[in-house]
Structure formats: structure tokens, C-alpha cells
């Protein structure tokens, strides 16, 4: 069972490393973020199932994952609408 937890931690770490490597395009950053969140969900499921047997927090975490992915998709659509691409470095926060 400990190897399963290590696999979930590896999935999470691969998602974080993928975010760092693919930091130029917003779509790949969002996909990597979802991959790491799925790793966190599996870790949470493993820990709650074997130690606490309380699943309400996992449901709350899944709702927050969906809300985060919807906000990321909204930012992606608005970025493409205003700038014409999803290149992350094209966004300038100081522009009005």
C-alpha cells in the first residue's frame, strides 16, 4: 500500500514539474495543473480511505477542483479573445 501512495506522490510531482517546464502556453499549464490536482485527489482519497474514513472533504476538494478548472478555462477564453493566442508571456498586467 505504501507503493501506491508513492505512485500518487510521483503523479503530483510530475504535474508540478510539467507546469514548470511548460510555462509558455496557458493551455499546457492548465492541463498540467489538472494533472497535479488529480494526483492530489488520489493522495487525498488514499489517506481518507485508510485513516479517517471521512469522504466529505474529498467531495469539497472535487468541487474546488472543478471551480478552479472553470476559472482557468474562462481566463484561457478571455486571453484568446483579447490577445488572439494563448501565449502566456503576451499578457501584460500593467496594460489598461
PDB file of N, CA and C in Angstrom:
ATOM      1  N   UNK A   1       0.817  -1.197   0.000  1.00  0.00           N
ATOM      2  CA  UNK A   1       0.000   0.000   0.000  1.00  0.00           C
ATOM      3  C   UNK A   1       0.862   1.263   0.000  1.00  0.00           C
ATOM      4  N   UNK A   2       2.049   1.160   0.557  1.00  0.00           N
ATOM      5  CA  UNK A   2       2.925   2.322   0.588  1.00  0.00           C
ATOM      6  C   UNK A   2       3.423   2.682  -0.809  1.00  0.00           C
ATOM      7  N   UNK A   3       3.568   1.669  -1.684  1.00  0.00           N
ATOM      8  CA  UNK A   3       3.999   1.953  -3.048  1.00  0.00           C
ATOM      9  C   UNK A   3       2.914   2.692  -3.822  1.00  0.00           C
ATOM     10  N   UNK A   4       1.655   2.434  -3.490  1.00  0.00           N
ATOM     11  CA  UNK A   4       0.556   3.140  -4.136  1.00  0.00           C
ATOM     12  C   UNK A   4       0.578   4.625  -3.771  1.00  0.00           C
ATOM     13  N   UNK A   5       0.854   4.915  -2.518  1.00  0.00           N
ATOM     14  CA  UNK A   5       0.966   6.318  -2.094  1.00  0.00           C
ATOM     15  C   UNK A   5       2.150   6.993  -2.759  1.00  0.00           C
ATOM     16  N   UNK A   6       3.258   6.281  -2.894  1.00  0.00           N
ATOM     17  CA  UNK A   6       4.420   6.842  -3.582  1.00  0.00           C
ATOM     18  C   UNK A   6       4.121   7.108  -5.064  1.00  0.00           C
ATOM     19  N   UNK A   7       3.307   6.257  -5.680  1.00  0.00           N
ATOM     20  CA  UNK A   7       2.899   6.477  -7.064  1.00  0.00           C
ATOM     21  C   UNK A   7       2.050   7.736  -7.189  1.00  0.00           C
ATOM     22  N   UNK A   8       1.158   7.952  -6.258  1.00  0.00           N
ATOM     23  CA  UNK A   8       0.326   9.158  -6.287  1.00  0.00           C
ATOM     24  C   UNK A   8       1.159  10.418  -6.065  1.00  0.00           C
ATOM     25  N   UNK A   9       2.143  10.330  -5.195  1.00  0.00           N
ATOM     26  CA  UNK A   9       3.040  11.470  -4.972  1.00  0.00           C
ATOM     27  C   UNK A   9       3.868  11.730  -6.229  1.00  0.00           C
ATOM     28  N   UNK A  10       4.282  10.668  -6.907  1.00  0.00           N
ATOM     29  CA  UNK A  10       5.016  10.823  -8.158  1.00  0.00           C
ATOM     30  C   UNK A  10       4.146  11.483  -9.235  1.00  0.00           C
ATOM     31  N   UNK A  11       2.877  11.125  -9.307  1.00  0.00           N
ATOM     32  CA  UNK A  11       1.965  11.757 -10.262  1.00  0.00           C
ATOM     33  C   UNK A  11       1.839  13.239  -9.965  1.00  0.00           C
ATOM     34  N   UNK A  12       1.704  13.597  -8.701  1.00  0.00           N
ATOM     35  CA  UNK A  12       1.616  15.005  -8.326  1.00  0.00           C
ATOM     36  C   UNK A  12       2.894  15.749  -8.680  1.00  0.00           C
ATOM     37  N   UNK A  13       4.045  15.161  -8.380  1.00  0.00           N
ATOM     38  CA  UNK A  13       5.316  15.829  -8.662  1.00  0.00           C
ATOM     39  C   UNK A  13       5.559  15.967 -10.167  1.00  0.00           C
ATOM     40  N   UNK A  14       5.159  14.985 -10.947  1.00  0.00           N
ATOM     41  CA  UNK A  14       5.287  15.098 -12.404  1.00  0.00           C
ATOM     42  C   UNK A  14       4.404  16.226 -12.947  1.00  0.00           C
ATOM     43  N   UNK A  15       3.239  16.413 -12.353  1.00  0.00           N
ATOM     44  CA  UNK A  15       2.385  17.528 -12.755  1.00  0.00           C
ATOM     45  C   UNK A  15       3.012  18.867 -12.439  1.00  0.00           C
ATOM     46  N   UNK A  16       3.628  18.986 -11.267  1.00  0.00           N
ATOM     47  CA  UNK A  16       4.285  20.243 -10.887  1.00  0.00           C
ATOM     48  C   UNK A  16       5.490  20.521 -11.782  1.00  0.00           C
ATOM     49  N   UNK A  17       6.274  19.495 -12.058  1.00  0.00           N
ATOM     50  CA  UNK A  17       7.430  19.664 -12.945  1.00  0.00           C
ATOM     51  C   UNK A  17       6.971  20.035 -14.349  1.00  0.00           C
ATOM     52  N   UNK A  18       5.873  19.452 -14.790  1.00  0.00           N
ATOM     53  CA  UNK A  18       5.337  19.784 -16.103  1.00  0.00           C
ATOM     54  C   UNK A  18       4.849  21.230 -16.161  1.00  0.00           C
ATOM     55  N   UNK A  19       4.308  21.750 -15.079  1.00  0.00           N
ATOM     56  CA  UNK A  19       3.916  23.170 -15.031  1.00  0.00           C
ATOM     57  C   UNK A  19       5.147  24.055 -15.184  1.00  0.00           C
ATOM     58  N   UNK A  20       6.230  23.683 -14.518  1.00  0.00           N
ATOM     59  CA  UNK A  20       7.450  24.485 -14.585  1.00  0.00           C
ATOM     60  C   UNK A  20       8.060  24.434 -15.983  1.00  0.00           C
ATOM     61  N   UNK A  21       8.048  23.266 -16.607  1.00  0.00           N
ATOM     62  CA  UNK A  21       8.638  23.128 -17.938  1.00  0.00           C
ATOM     63  C   UNK A  21       7.781  23.805 -18.998  1.00  0.00           C
ATOM     64  N   UNK A  22       6.475  23.632 -18.949  1.00  0.00           N
ATOM     65  CA  UNK A  22       5.565  24.155 -19.971  1.00  0.00           C
ATOM     66  C   UNK A  22       4.932  25.462 -19.517  1.00  0.00           C
ATOM     67  N   UNK A  23       5.737  26.439 -19.220  1.00  0.00           N
ATOM     68  CA  UNK A  23       5.208  27.680 -18.684  1.00  0.00           C
ATOM     69  C   UNK A  23       4.941  28.732 -19.758  1.00  0.00           C
ATOM     70  N   UNK A  24       5.084  28.398 -21.020  1.00  0.00           N
ATOM     71  CA  UNK A  24       4.934  29.390 -22.070  1.00  0.00           C
ATOM     72  C   UNK A  24       3.512  29.476 -22.607  1.00  0.00           C
ATOM     73  N   UNK A  25       2.794  28.370 -22.628  1.00  0.00           N
ATOM     74  CA  UNK A  25       1.436  28.369 -23.145  1.00  0.00           C
ATOM     75  C   UNK A  25       0.449  28.097 -22.022  1.00  0.00           C
ATOM     76  N   UNK A  26      -0.624  28.848 -22.015  1.00  0.00           N
ATOM     77  CA  UNK A  26      -1.593  28.766 -20.930  1.00  0.00           C
ATOM     78  C   UNK A  26      -2.334  27.433 -20.940  1.00  0.00           C
ATOM     79  N   UNK A  27      -2.646  26.905 -22.098  1.00  0.00           N
ATOM     80  CA  UNK A  27      -3.380  25.644 -22.173  1.00  0.00           C
ATOM     81  C   UNK A  27      -2.569  24.492 -21.590  1.00  0.00           C
ATOM     82  N   UNK A  28      -1.289  24.415 -21.895  1.00  0.00           N
ATOM     83  CA  UNK A  28      -0.473  23.337 -21.328  1.00  0.00           C
ATOM     84  C   UNK A  28      -0.263  23.517 -19.827  1.00  0.00           C
ATOM     85  N   UNK A  29      -0.225  24.764 -19.378  1.00  0.00           N
ATOM     86  CA  UNK A  29      -0.139  24.999 -17.936  1.00  0.00           C
ATOM     87  C   UNK A  29      -1.407  24.531 -17.228  1.00  0.00           C
ATOM     88  N   UNK A  30      -2.558  24.781 -17.827  1.00  0.00           N
ATOM     89  CA  UNK A  30      -3.817  24.344 -17.232  1.00  0.00           C
ATOM     90  C   UNK A  30      -3.946  22.823 -17.226  1.00  0.00           C
ATOM     91  N   UNK A  31      -3.510  22.178 -18.301  1.00  0.00           N
ATOM     92  CA  UNK A  31      -3.538  20.710 -18.333  1.00  0.00           C
ATOM     93  C   UNK A  31      -2.598  20.103 -17.291  1.00  0.00           C
ATOM     94  N   UNK A  32      -1.440  20.695 -17.129  1.00  0.00           N
ATOM     95  CA  UNK A  32      -0.506  20.209 -16.108  1.00  0.00           C
ATOM     96  C   UNK A  32      -1.048  20.443 -14.707  1.00  0.00           C
ATOM     97  N   UNK A  33      -1.731  21.551 -14.517  1.00  0.00           N
ATOM     98  CA  UNK A  33      -2.353  21.826 -13.225  1.00  0.00           C
ATOM     99  C   UNK A  33      -3.442  20.813 -12.913  1.00  0.00           C
ATOM    100  N   UNK A  34      -4.234  20.458 -13.900  1.00  0.00           N
ATOM    101  CA  UNK A  34      -5.265  19.436 -13.696  1.00  0.00           C
ATOM    102  C   UNK A  34      -4.639  18.074 -13.398  1.00  0.00           C
ATOM    103  N   UNK A  35      -3.529  17.766 -14.041  1.00  0.00           N
ATOM    104  CA  UNK A  35      -2.841  16.504 -13.776  1.00  0.00           C
ATOM    105  C   UNK A  35      -2.330  16.445 -12.342  1.00  0.00           C
ATOM    106  N   UNK A  36      -1.758  17.542 -11.862  1.00  0.00           N
ATOM    107  CA  UNK A  36      -1.272  17.556 -10.482  1.00  0.00           C
ATOM    108  C   UNK A  36      -2.429  17.553  -9.488  1.00  0.00           C
ATOM    109  N   UNK A  37      -3.540  18.178  -9.838  1.00  0.00           N
ATOM    110  CA  UNK A  37      -4.701  18.145  -8.946  1.00  0.00           C
ATOM    111  C   UNK A  37      -5.303  16.738  -8.877  1.00  0.00           C
ATOM    112  N   UNK A  38      -5.244  16.003  -9.974  1.00  0.00           N
ATOM    113  CA  UNK A  38      -5.712  14.611  -9.936  1.00  0.00           C
ATOM    114  C   UNK A  38      -4.808  13.761  -9.046  1.00  0.00           C
ATOM    115  N   UNK A  39      -3.506  14.058  -9.060  1.00  0.00           N
ATOM    116  CA  UNK A  39      -2.605  13.376  -8.144  1.00  0.00           C
ATOM    117  C   UNK A  39      -2.922  13.694  -6.694  1.00  0.00           C
ATOM    118  N   UNK A  40      -3.217  14.959  -6.419  1.00  0.00           N
ATOM    119  CA  UNK A  40      -3.614  15.340  -5.058  1.00  0.00           C
ATOM    120  C   UNK A  40      -4.925  14.693  -4.649  1.00  0.00           C
ATOM    121  N   UNK A  41      -5.855  14.566  -5.589  1.00  0.00           N
ATOM    122  CA  UNK A  41      -7.128  13.916  -5.287  1.00  0.00           C
ATOM    123  C   UNK A  41      -6.920  12.449  -4.948  1.00  0.00           C
ATOM    124  N   UNK A  42      -6.028  11.781  -5.666  1.00  0.00           N
ATOM    125  CA  UNK A  42      -5.754  10.374  -5.360  1.00  0.00           C
ATOM    126  C   UNK A  42      -5.056  10.218  -4.018  1.00  0.00           C
ATOM    127  N   UNK A  43      -4.147  11.139  -3.702  1.00  0.00           N
ATOM    128  CA  UNK A  43      -3.495  11.105  -2.386  1.00  0.00           C
ATOM    129  C   UNK A  43      -4.521  11.307  -1.285  1.00  0.00           C
ATOM    130  N   UNK A  44      -5.408  12.273  -1.484  1.00  0.00           N
ATOM    131  CA  UNK A  44      -6.445  12.552  -0.501  1.00  0.00           C
ATOM    132  C   UNK A  44      -7.385  11.367  -0.342  1.00  0.00           C
ATOM    133  N   UNK A  45      -7.760  10.751  -1.463  1.00  0.00           N
ATOM    134  CA  UNK A  45      -8.618   9.572  -1.398  1.00  0.00           C
ATOM    135  C   UNK A  45      -7.938   8.439  -0.641  1.00  0.00           C
ATOM    136  N   UNK A  46      -6.667   8.225  -0.899  1.00  0.00           N
ATOM    137  CA  UNK A  46      -5.916   7.166  -0.206  1.00  0.00           C
ATOM    138  C   UNK A  46      -5.864   7.429   1.296  1.00  0.00           C
ATOM    139  N   UNK A  47      -5.537   8.654   1.666  1.00  0.00           N
ATOM    140  CA  UNK A  47      -5.403   8.956   3.092  1.00  0.00           C
ATOM    141  C   UNK A  47      -6.740   8.933   3.823  1.00  0.00           C
ATOM    142  N   UNK A  48      -7.779   9.461   3.185  1.00  0.00           N
ATOM    143  CA  UNK A  48      -9.089   9.467   3.836  1.00  0.00           C
ATOM    144  C   UNK A  48      -9.692   8.073   3.912  1.00  0.00           C
ATOM    145  N   UNK A  49      -9.427   7.245   2.934  1.00  0.00           N
ATOM    146  CA  UNK A  49      -9.997   5.901   2.920  1.00  0.00           C
ATOM    147  C   UNK A  49      -9.369   5.015   3.985  1.00  0.00           C
ATOM    148  N   UNK A  50      -8.063   5.119   4.149  1.00  0.00           N
ATOM    149  CA  UNK A  50      -7.390   4.203   5.052  1.00  0.00           C
ATOM    150  C   UNK A  50      -7.206   4.718   6.478  1.00  0.00           C
ATOM    151  N   UNK A  51      -7.277   6.027   6.663  1.00  0.00           N
ATOM    152  CA  UNK A  51      -7.002   6.531   8.000  1.00  0.00           C
ATOM    153  C   UNK A  51      -8.205   7.149   8.681  1.00  0.00           C
ATOM    154  N   UNK A  52      -8.984   7.936   7.956  1.00  0.00           N
ATOM    155  CA  UNK A  52     -10.051   8.691   8.620  1.00  0.00           C
ATOM    156  C   UNK A  52     -11.448   8.244   8.223  1.00  0.00           C
ATOM    157  N   UNK A  53     -11.587   7.648   7.071  1.00  0.00           N
ATOM    158  CA  UNK A  53     -12.859   7.187   6.512  1.00  0.00           C
ATOM    159  C   UNK A  53     -13.928   8.277   6.506  1.00  0.00           C
ATOM    160  N   UNK A  54     -13.541   9.480   6.195  1.00  0.00           N
ATOM    161  CA  UNK A  54     -14.445  10.619   6.082  1.00  0.00           C
ATOM    162  C   UNK A  54     -14.309  11.172   4.665  1.00  0.00           C
ATOM    163  N   UNK A  55     -15.370  11.099   3.873  1.00  0.00           N
ATOM    164  CA  UNK A  55     -15.281  11.436   2.463  1.00  0.00           C
ATOM    165  C   UNK A  55     -15.880  12.800   2.117  1.00  0.00           C
ATOM    166  N   UNK A  56     -16.389  13.535   3.084  1.00  0.00           N
ATOM    167  CA  UNK A  56     -16.981  14.834   2.781  1.00  0.00           C
ATOM    168  C   UNK A  56     -15.924  15.841   2.324  1.00  0.00           C
ATOM    169  N   UNK A  57     -14.744  15.758   2.877  1.00  0.00           N
ATOM    170  CA  UNK A  57     -13.686  16.675   2.480  1.00  0.00           C
ATOM    171  C   UNK A  57     -13.237  16.401   1.044  1.00  0.00           C
ATOM    172  N   UNK A  58     -13.284  15.151   0.634  1.00  0.00           N
ATOM    173  CA  UNK A  58     -12.924  14.829  -0.741  1.00  0.00           C
ATOM    174  C   UNK A  58     -13.945  15.395  -1.718  1.00  0.00           C
ATOM    175  N   UNK A  59     -15.203  15.367  -1.360  1.00  0.00           N
ATOM    176  CA  UNK A  59     -16.239  15.963  -2.193  1.00  0.00           C
ATOM    177  C   UNK A  59     -16.041  17.469  -2.306  1.00  0.00           C
ATOM    178  N   UNK A  60     -15.696  18.110  -1.204  1.00  0.00           N
ATOM    179  CA  UNK A  60     -15.414  19.541  -1.219  1.00  0.00           C
ATOM    180  C   UNK A  60     -14.188  19.850  -2.081  1.00  0.00           C
ATOM    181  N   UNK A  61     -13.178  19.010  -1.999  1.00  0.00           N
ATOM    182  CA  UNK A  61     -11.977  19.192  -2.815  1.00  0.00           C
ATOM    183  C   UNK A  61     -12.281  19.032  -4.300  1.00  0.00           C
ATOM    184  N   UNK A  62     -13.140  18.083  -4.644  1.00  0.00           N
ATOM    185  CA  UNK A  62     -13.504  17.899  -6.051  1.00  0.00           C
ATOM    186  C   UNK A  62     -14.298  19.090  -6.573  1.00  0.00           C
ATOM    187  N   UNK A  63     -15.150  19.674  -5.743  1.00  0.00           N
ATOM    188  CA  UNK A  63     -15.889  20.868  -6.154  1.00  0.00           C
ATOM    189  C   UNK A  63     -14.931  22.024  -6.386  1.00  0.00           C
ATOM    190  N   UNK A  64     -13.939  22.188  -5.527  1.00  0.00           N
ATOM    191  CA  UNK A  64     -12.952  23.251  -5.707  1.00  0.00           C
ATOM    192  C   UNK A  64     -12.086  23.006  -6.943  1.00  0.00           C
ATOM    193  N   UNK A  65     -11.811  21.741  -7.268  1.00  0.00           N
ATOM    194  CA  UNK A  65     -11.068  21.431  -8.490  1.00  0.00           C
ATOM    195  C   UNK A  65     -11.865  21.842  -9.723  1.00  0.00           C
ATOM    196  N   UNK A  66     -13.154  21.562  -9.724  1.00  0.00           N
ATOM    197  CA  UNK A  66     -13.991  21.921 -10.864  1.00  0.00           C
ATOM    198  C   UNK A  66     -14.084  23.439 -10.994  1.00  0.00           C
ATOM    199  N   UNK A  67     -14.254  24.138  -9.876  1.00  0.00           N
ATOM    200  CA  UNK A  67     -14.324  25.596  -9.924  1.00  0.00           C
ATOM    201  C   UNK A  67     -13.011  26.197 -10.418  1.00  0.00           C
ATOM    202  N   UNK A  68     -11.893  25.633 -10.005  1.00  0.00           N
ATOM    203  CA  UNK A  68     -10.593  26.121 -10.470  1.00  0.00           C
ATOM    204  C   UNK A  68     -10.387  25.879 -11.951  1.00  0.00           C
ATOM    205  N   UNK A  69     -10.838  24.728 -12.439  1.00  0.00           N
ATOM    206  CA  UNK A  69     -10.675  24.458 -13.863  1.00  0.00           C
ATOM    207  C   UNK A  69     -11.598  25.332 -14.700  1.00  0.00           C
ATOM    208  N   UNK A  70     -12.781  25.650 -14.192  1.00  0.00           N
ATOM    209  CA  UNK A  70     -13.678  26.556 -14.908  1.00  0.00           C
ATOM    210  C   UNK A  70     -13.085  27.960 -14.971  1.00  0.00           C
ATOM    211  N   UNK A  71     -12.494  28.408 -13.885  1.00  0.00           N
ATOM    212  CA  UNK A  71     -11.863  29.738 -13.891  1.00  0.00           C
ATOM    213  C   UNK A  71     -10.663  29.766 -14.834  1.00  0.00           C
ATOM    214  N   UNK A  72      -9.886  28.688 -14.877  1.00  0.00           N
ATOM    215  CA  UNK A  72      -8.768  28.625 -15.806  1.00  0.00           C
ATOM    216  C   UNK A  72      -9.224  28.627 -17.248  1.00  0.00           C
ATOM    217  N   UNK A  73     -10.309  27.914 -17.536  1.00  0.00           N
ATOM    218  CA  UNK A  73     -10.849  27.905 -18.887  1.00  0.00           C
ATOM    219  C   UNK A  73     -11.406  29.274 -19.262  1.00  0.00           C
ATOM    220  N   UNK A  74     -12.009  29.969 -18.306  1.00  0.00           N
ATOM    221  CA  UNK A  74     -12.501  31.329 -18.551  1.00  0.00           C
ATOM    222  C   UNK A  74     -11.347  32.271 -18.874  1.00  0.00           C
ATOM    223  N   UNK A  75     -10.260  32.162 -18.137  1.00  0.00           N
ATOM    224  CA  UNK A  75      -9.087  33.003 -18.410  1.00  0.00           C
ATOM    225  C   UNK A  75      -8.498  32.663 -19.779  1.00  0.00           C
ATOM    226  N   UNK A  76      -8.491  31.385 -20.137  1.00  0.00           N
ATOM    227  CA  UNK A  76      -7.986  30.983 -21.443  1.00  0.00           C
ATOM    228  C   UNK A  76      -8.841  31.560 -22.575  1.00  0.00           C
ATOM    229  N   UNK A  77     -10.151  31.485 -22.453  1.00  0.00           N
ATOM    230  CA  UNK A  77     -11.041  32.003 -23.486  1.00  0.00           C
ATOM    231  C   UNK A  77     -10.912  33.517 -23.598  1.00  0.00           C
ATOM    232  N   UNK A  78     -10.858  34.207 -22.465  1.00  0.00           N
ATOM    233  CA  UNK A  78     -10.707  35.662 -22.497  1.00  0.00           C
ATOM    234  C   UNK A  78      -9.351  36.073 -23.067  1.00  0.00           C
ATOM    235  N   UNK A  79      -8.325  35.304 -22.762  1.00  0.00           N
ATOM    236  CA  UNK A  79      -6.993  35.592 -23.286  1.00  0.00           C
ATOM    237  C   UNK A  79      -6.965  35.437 -24.804  1.00  0.00           C
ATOM    238  N   UNK A  80      -7.589  34.383 -25.303  1.00  0.00           N
ATOM    239  CA  UNK A  80      -7.632  34.187 -26.755  1.00  0.00           C
ATOM    240  C   UNK A  80      -8.491  35.258 -27.411  1.00  0.00           C
ATOM    241  N   UNK A  81      -9.566  35.672 -26.751  1.00  0.00           N
ATOM    242  CA  UNK A  81     -10.435  36.688 -27.326  1.00  0.00           C
ATOM    243  C   UNK A  81      -9.744  38.055 -27.386  1.00  0.00           C
ATOM    244  N   UNK A  82      -9.001  38.414 -26.357  1.00  0.00           N
ATOM    245  CA  UNK A  82      -8.374  39.741 -26.320  1.00  0.00           C
ATOM    246  C   UNK A  82      -7.020  39.791 -27.020  1.00  0.00           C
ATOM    247  N   UNK A  83      -6.214  38.739 -26.897  1.00  0.00           N
ATOM    248  CA  UNK A  83      -4.857  38.758 -27.431  1.00  0.00           C
ATOM    249  C   UNK A  83      -4.680  37.928 -28.689  1.00  0.00           C
ATOM    250  N   UNK A  84      -5.588  37.003 -28.960  1.00  0.00           N
ATOM    251  CA  UNK A  84      -5.516  36.214 -30.180  1.00  0.00           C
ATOM    252  C   UNK A  84      -4.738  34.922 -30.059  1.00  0.00           C
ATOM    253  N   UNK A  85      -4.103  34.670 -28.940  1.00  0.00           N
ATOM    254  CA  UNK A  85      -3.373  33.417 -28.742  1.00  0.00           C
ATOM    255  C   UNK A  85      -3.343  33.088 -27.255  1.00  0.00           C
ATOM    256  N   UNK A  86      -2.766  31.934 -26.934  1.00  0.00           N
ATOM    257  CA  UNK A  86      -2.662  31.560 -25.522  1.00  0.00           C
ATOM    258  C   UNK A  86      -1.213  31.595 -25.036  1.00  0.00           C
ATOM    259  N   UNK A  87      -0.413  32.407 -25.689  1.00  0.00           N
ATOM    260  CA  UNK A  87       0.976  32.566 -25.278  1.00  0.00           C
ATOM    261  C   UNK A  87       0.998  33.373 -23.985  1.00  0.00           C
ATOM    262  N   UNK A  88       1.509  32.791 -22.923  1.00  0.00           N
ATOM    263  CA  UNK A  88       1.381  33.361 -21.582  1.00  0.00           C
ATOM    264  C   UNK A  88       2.167  34.657 -21.421  1.00  0.00           C
ATOM    265  N   UNK A  89       3.274  34.805 -22.130  1.00  0.00           N
ATOM    266  CA  UNK A  89       4.108  35.994 -21.961  1.00  0.00           C
ATOM    267  C   UNK A  89       3.548  37.213 -22.693  1.00  0.00           C
ATOM    268  N   UNK A  90       2.487  37.025 -23.496  1.00  0.00           N
ATOM    269  CA  UNK A  90       1.868  38.162 -24.193  1.00  0.00           C
ATOM    270  C   UNK A  90       1.026  39.009 -23.239  1.00  0.00           C
ATOM    271  N   UNK A  91       0.606  38.422 -22.141  1.00  0.00           N
ATOM    272  CA  UNK A  91      -0.213  39.168 -21.197  1.00  0.00           C
ATOM    273  C   UNK A  91       0.657  40.133 -20.404  1.00  0.00           C
ATOM    274  N   UNK A  92       0.254  41.359 -20.367  1.00  0.00           N
ATOM    275  CA  UNK A  92       0.943  42.352 -19.571  1.00  0.00           C
ATOM    276  C   UNK A  92      -0.044  42.863 -18.534  1.00  0.00           C
ATOM    277  N   UNK A  93       0.286  42.693 -17.283  1.00  0.00           N
ATOM    278  CA  UNK A  93      -0.632  43.057 -16.202  1.00  0.00           C
ATOM    279  C   UNK A  93      -0.762  44.571 -16.082  1.00  0.00           C
ATOM    280  N   UNK A  94       0.234  45.308 -16.521  1.00  0.00           N
ATOM    281  CA  UNK A  94       0.224  46.759 -16.358  1.00  0.00           C
ATOM    282  C   UNK A  94      -0.568  47.467 -17.436  1.00  0.00           C
ATOM    283  N   UNK A  95      -1.010  46.768 -18.497  1.00  0.00           N
ATOM    284  CA  UNK A  95      -1.787  47.416 -19.542  1.00  0.00           C
ATOM    285  C   UNK A  95      -3.192  47.734 -19.056  1.00  0.00           C
ATOM    286  N   UNK A  96      -3.753  48.808 -19.576  1.00  0.00           N
ATOM    287  CA  UNK A  96      -5.139  49.160 -19.231  1.00  0.00           C
ATOM    288  C   UNK A  96      -6.077  48.715 -20.317  1.00  0.00           C
TER     289      UNK A  96
END
